[in-house]
């Protein structure tokens, strides 16, 4: 209900979803967490934004991200040892 009210107000102003997200300084897809919190309750805003970014990456980009994540994990292991 609340999300629908926001959508109606946004469209009356002639704003796109991206424009409305810009006004509140948020990723348009991360705004959904405020209107549909049960969708993914265990993921933080930052995690959902990262998931959205990853969806746009090709296999080469994902290889780089994976290598970076592996490097971070190994650095934590060394630090904890």
N, C-alpha and C. Protein backbone atom coordinates (compact mmCIF):
# COMPACT_ATOMS: atom_id res chain seq x y z
N UNK A 1 0.81 -1.19 0.00
CA UNK A 1 0.00 0.00 0.00
C UNK A 1 0.86 1.26 0.00
N UNK A 2 1.85 1.29 0.91
CA UNK A 2 2.71 2.47 1.01
C UNK A 2 3.51 2.66 -0.28
N UNK A 3 4.03 1.54 -0.81
CA UNK A 3 4.79 1.60 -2.05
C UNK A 3 3.96 2.12 -3.21
N UNK A 4 2.69 1.72 -3.25
CA UNK A 4 1.80 2.19 -4.30
C UNK A 4 1.54 3.69 -4.18
N UNK A 5 1.40 4.16 -2.94
CA UNK A 5 1.20 5.60 -2.71
C UNK A 5 2.41 6.40 -3.17
N UNK A 6 3.60 5.88 -2.91
CA UNK A 6 4.84 6.53 -3.35
C UNK A 6 4.89 6.55 -4.88
N UNK A 7 4.55 5.43 -5.50
CA UNK A 7 4.58 5.35 -6.96
C UNK A 7 3.61 6.36 -7.57
N UNK A 8 2.40 6.45 -7.01
CA UNK A 8 1.42 7.38 -7.53
C UNK A 8 1.89 8.83 -7.40
N UNK A 9 2.47 9.16 -6.23
CA UNK A 9 2.98 10.52 -6.02
C UNK A 9 4.12 10.82 -6.98
N UNK A 10 4.99 9.83 -7.18
CA UNK A 10 6.13 9.99 -8.09
C UNK A 10 5.66 10.22 -9.52
N UNK A 11 4.70 9.42 -9.96
CA UNK A 11 4.23 9.56 -11.34
C UNK A 11 3.45 10.86 -11.54
N UNK A 12 2.75 11.32 -10.53
CA UNK A 12 2.06 12.61 -10.64
C UNK A 12 3.06 13.76 -10.83
N UNK A 13 4.24 13.59 -10.24
CA UNK A 13 5.29 14.60 -10.39
C UNK A 13 6.06 14.42 -11.70
N UNK A 14 5.76 13.34 -12.42
CA UNK A 14 6.46 13.08 -13.68
C UNK A 14 7.87 12.56 -13.47
N UNK A 15 8.11 11.93 -12.32
CA UNK A 15 9.44 11.43 -12.00
C UNK A 15 9.55 9.94 -12.32
N UNK A 16 10.72 9.55 -12.79
CA UNK A 16 11.00 8.13 -12.99
C UNK A 16 11.43 7.54 -11.66
N UNK A 17 11.51 6.23 -11.62
CA UNK A 17 11.99 5.55 -10.41
C UNK A 17 13.43 5.98 -10.09
N UNK A 18 14.26 6.09 -11.14
CA UNK A 18 15.65 6.51 -10.95
C UNK A 18 15.74 7.93 -10.39
N UNK A 19 14.89 8.81 -10.90
CA UNK A 19 14.90 10.19 -10.42
C UNK A 19 14.49 10.25 -8.95
N UNK A 20 13.46 9.50 -8.59
CA UNK A 20 13.02 9.49 -7.19
C UNK A 20 14.11 8.92 -6.29
N UNK A 21 14.81 7.90 -6.76
CA UNK A 21 15.91 7.33 -5.99
C UNK A 21 17.02 8.35 -5.81
N UNK A 22 17.27 9.16 -6.84
CA UNK A 22 18.30 10.19 -6.75
C UNK A 22 17.97 11.24 -5.71
N UNK A 23 16.68 11.55 -5.58
CA UNK A 23 16.25 12.55 -4.60
C UNK A 23 16.56 12.09 -3.18
N UNK A 24 16.39 10.78 -2.93
CA UNK A 24 16.68 10.27 -1.59
C UNK A 24 18.07 9.65 -1.50
N UNK A 25 18.87 9.85 -2.55
CA UNK A 25 20.25 9.38 -2.59
C UNK A 25 20.35 7.88 -2.33
N UNK A 26 19.65 7.11 -3.14
CA UNK A 26 19.64 5.67 -2.98
C UNK A 26 19.55 5.00 -4.34
N UNK A 27 20.01 3.78 -4.42
CA UNK A 27 19.87 2.97 -5.62
C UNK A 27 18.39 2.66 -5.81
N UNK A 28 17.85 2.76 -7.03
CA UNK A 28 16.41 2.53 -7.22
C UNK A 28 15.96 1.15 -6.75
N UNK A 29 16.78 0.13 -6.94
CA UNK A 29 16.36 -1.20 -6.51
C UNK A 29 16.46 -1.35 -5.00
N UNK A 30 17.41 -0.61 -4.34
CA UNK A 30 17.52 -0.73 -2.88
C UNK A 30 16.39 -0.04 -2.17
N UNK A 31 15.66 0.83 -2.89
CA UNK A 31 14.50 1.50 -2.30
C UNK A 31 13.43 0.45 -1.99
N UNK A 32 13.36 -0.60 -2.77
CA UNK A 32 12.35 -1.64 -2.56
C UNK A 32 12.41 -2.24 -1.16
N UNK A 33 13.58 -2.25 -0.54
CA UNK A 33 13.68 -2.84 0.79
C UNK A 33 12.81 -2.12 1.81
N UNK A 34 12.54 -0.84 1.58
CA UNK A 34 11.71 -0.08 2.50
C UNK A 34 10.23 -0.41 2.31
N UNK A 35 9.85 -0.78 1.09
CA UNK A 35 8.46 -1.07 0.80
C UNK A 35 8.14 -2.55 0.87
N UNK A 36 9.14 -3.38 0.65
CA UNK A 36 8.95 -4.83 0.67
C UNK A 36 10.04 -5.48 1.53
N UNK A 37 10.07 -5.18 2.82
CA UNK A 37 11.18 -5.64 3.68
C UNK A 37 11.28 -7.15 3.80
N UNK A 38 10.23 -7.89 3.58
CA UNK A 38 10.28 -9.34 3.72
C UNK A 38 10.96 -10.02 2.55
N UNK A 39 11.23 -9.29 1.48
CA UNK A 39 11.81 -9.90 0.28
C UNK A 39 13.17 -10.54 0.57
N UNK A 40 14.06 -9.84 1.22
CA UNK A 40 15.38 -10.37 1.56
C UNK A 40 15.82 -9.77 2.90
N UNK A 41 15.23 -10.22 4.00
CA UNK A 41 15.50 -9.59 5.28
C UNK A 41 16.92 -9.77 5.81
N UNK A 42 17.65 -10.77 5.33
CA UNK A 42 18.97 -11.04 5.87
C UNK A 42 20.09 -10.30 5.15
N UNK A 43 19.78 -9.54 4.10
CA UNK A 43 20.81 -8.82 3.36
C UNK A 43 20.74 -7.33 3.66
N UNK A 44 21.90 -6.74 3.89
CA UNK A 44 21.97 -5.30 4.14
C UNK A 44 21.79 -4.53 2.84
N UNK A 45 21.58 -3.24 2.96
CA UNK A 45 21.44 -2.38 1.78
C UNK A 45 22.67 -2.48 0.91
N UNK A 46 23.83 -2.42 1.53
CA UNK A 46 25.08 -2.50 0.78
C UNK A 46 25.19 -3.82 0.03
N UNK A 47 24.78 -4.92 0.67
CA UNK A 47 24.85 -6.24 0.03
C UNK A 47 23.91 -6.30 -1.17
N UNK A 48 22.69 -5.75 -1.03
CA UNK A 48 21.75 -5.75 -2.15
C UNK A 48 22.25 -4.88 -3.29
N UNK A 49 22.88 -3.75 -2.97
CA UNK A 49 23.44 -2.89 -4.02
C UNK A 49 24.56 -3.60 -4.76
N UNK A 50 25.39 -4.32 -4.01
CA UNK A 50 26.47 -5.08 -4.63
C UNK A 50 25.90 -6.19 -5.52
N UNK A 51 24.86 -6.88 -5.05
CA UNK A 51 24.22 -7.91 -5.87
C UNK A 51 23.71 -7.33 -7.18
N UNK A 52 23.12 -6.15 -7.12
CA UNK A 52 22.62 -5.49 -8.32
C UNK A 52 23.76 -5.18 -9.28
N UNK A 53 24.87 -4.69 -8.75
CA UNK A 53 26.03 -4.40 -9.59
C UNK A 53 26.56 -5.67 -10.24
N UNK A 54 26.65 -6.75 -9.46
CA UNK A 54 27.18 -8.01 -9.98
C UNK A 54 26.32 -8.54 -11.13
N UNK A 55 25.02 -8.31 -11.06
CA UNK A 55 24.13 -8.77 -12.14
C UNK A 55 24.50 -8.16 -13.49
N UNK A 56 25.12 -6.98 -13.47
CA UNK A 56 25.50 -6.32 -14.72
C UNK A 56 26.89 -6.66 -15.21
N UNK A 57 27.63 -7.48 -14.47
CA UNK A 57 28.99 -7.83 -14.85
C UNK A 57 29.02 -9.03 -15.79
N UNK A 58 30.01 -9.03 -16.69
CA UNK A 58 30.21 -10.20 -17.54
C UNK A 58 31.18 -11.15 -16.85
N UNK A 59 31.49 -12.28 -17.49
CA UNK A 59 32.35 -13.29 -16.86
C UNK A 59 33.75 -12.76 -16.53
N UNK A 60 34.29 -11.93 -17.39
CA UNK A 60 35.62 -11.36 -17.12
C UNK A 60 35.58 -10.49 -15.87
N UNK A 61 34.56 -9.66 -15.75
CA UNK A 61 34.42 -8.82 -14.56
C UNK A 61 34.29 -9.69 -13.30
N UNK A 62 33.52 -10.76 -13.40
CA UNK A 62 33.31 -11.62 -12.25
C UNK A 62 34.59 -12.35 -11.83
N UNK A 63 35.46 -12.66 -12.78
CA UNK A 63 36.74 -13.26 -12.45
C UNK A 63 37.55 -12.30 -11.59
N UNK A 64 37.53 -11.04 -11.94
CA UNK A 64 38.25 -10.02 -11.17
C UNK A 64 37.67 -9.88 -9.77
N UNK A 65 36.34 -9.84 -9.68
CA UNK A 65 35.68 -9.72 -8.38
C UNK A 65 35.99 -10.94 -7.52
N UNK A 66 35.94 -12.11 -8.11
CA UNK A 66 36.23 -13.34 -7.37
C UNK A 66 37.67 -13.35 -6.85
N UNK A 67 38.61 -12.92 -7.68
CA UNK A 67 40.01 -12.87 -7.26
C UNK A 67 40.19 -11.87 -6.11
N UNK A 68 39.51 -10.76 -6.19
CA UNK A 68 39.57 -9.77 -5.12
C UNK A 68 39.01 -10.34 -3.82
N UNK A 69 37.86 -11.00 -3.90
CA UNK A 69 37.24 -11.61 -2.71
C UNK A 69 38.15 -12.68 -2.12
N UNK A 70 38.78 -13.48 -2.98
CA UNK A 70 39.72 -14.49 -2.48
C UNK A 70 40.90 -13.84 -1.77
N UNK A 71 41.40 -12.75 -2.33
CA UNK A 71 42.51 -12.02 -1.70
C UNK A 71 42.14 -11.48 -0.33
N UNK A 72 40.95 -10.96 -0.21
CA UNK A 72 40.48 -10.46 1.08
C UNK A 72 40.38 -11.60 2.09
N UNK A 73 39.83 -12.74 1.66
CA UNK A 73 39.71 -13.90 2.56
C UNK A 73 41.07 -14.39 3.03
N UNK A 74 42.02 -14.47 2.11
CA UNK A 74 43.36 -14.93 2.48
C UNK A 74 44.04 -13.95 3.43
N UNK A 75 43.86 -12.65 3.20
CA UNK A 75 44.44 -11.65 4.08
C UNK A 75 43.86 -11.75 5.48
N UNK A 76 42.59 -12.06 5.59
CA UNK A 76 41.96 -12.25 6.91
C UNK A 76 42.50 -13.48 7.62
N UNK A 77 42.76 -14.55 6.85
CA UNK A 77 43.32 -15.76 7.43
C UNK A 77 44.71 -15.49 8.00
N UNK A 78 45.52 -14.75 7.27
CA UNK A 78 46.87 -14.42 7.72
C UNK A 78 46.82 -13.54 8.97
N UNK A 79 45.90 -12.60 8.96
CA UNK A 79 45.74 -11.68 10.09
C UNK A 79 45.31 -12.43 11.35
N UNK A 80 44.42 -13.42 11.19
CA UNK A 80 43.91 -14.19 12.32
C UNK A 80 44.89 -15.24 12.82
N UNK A 81 45.87 -15.59 12.00
CA UNK A 81 46.82 -16.66 12.38
C UNK A 81 47.84 -16.20 13.39
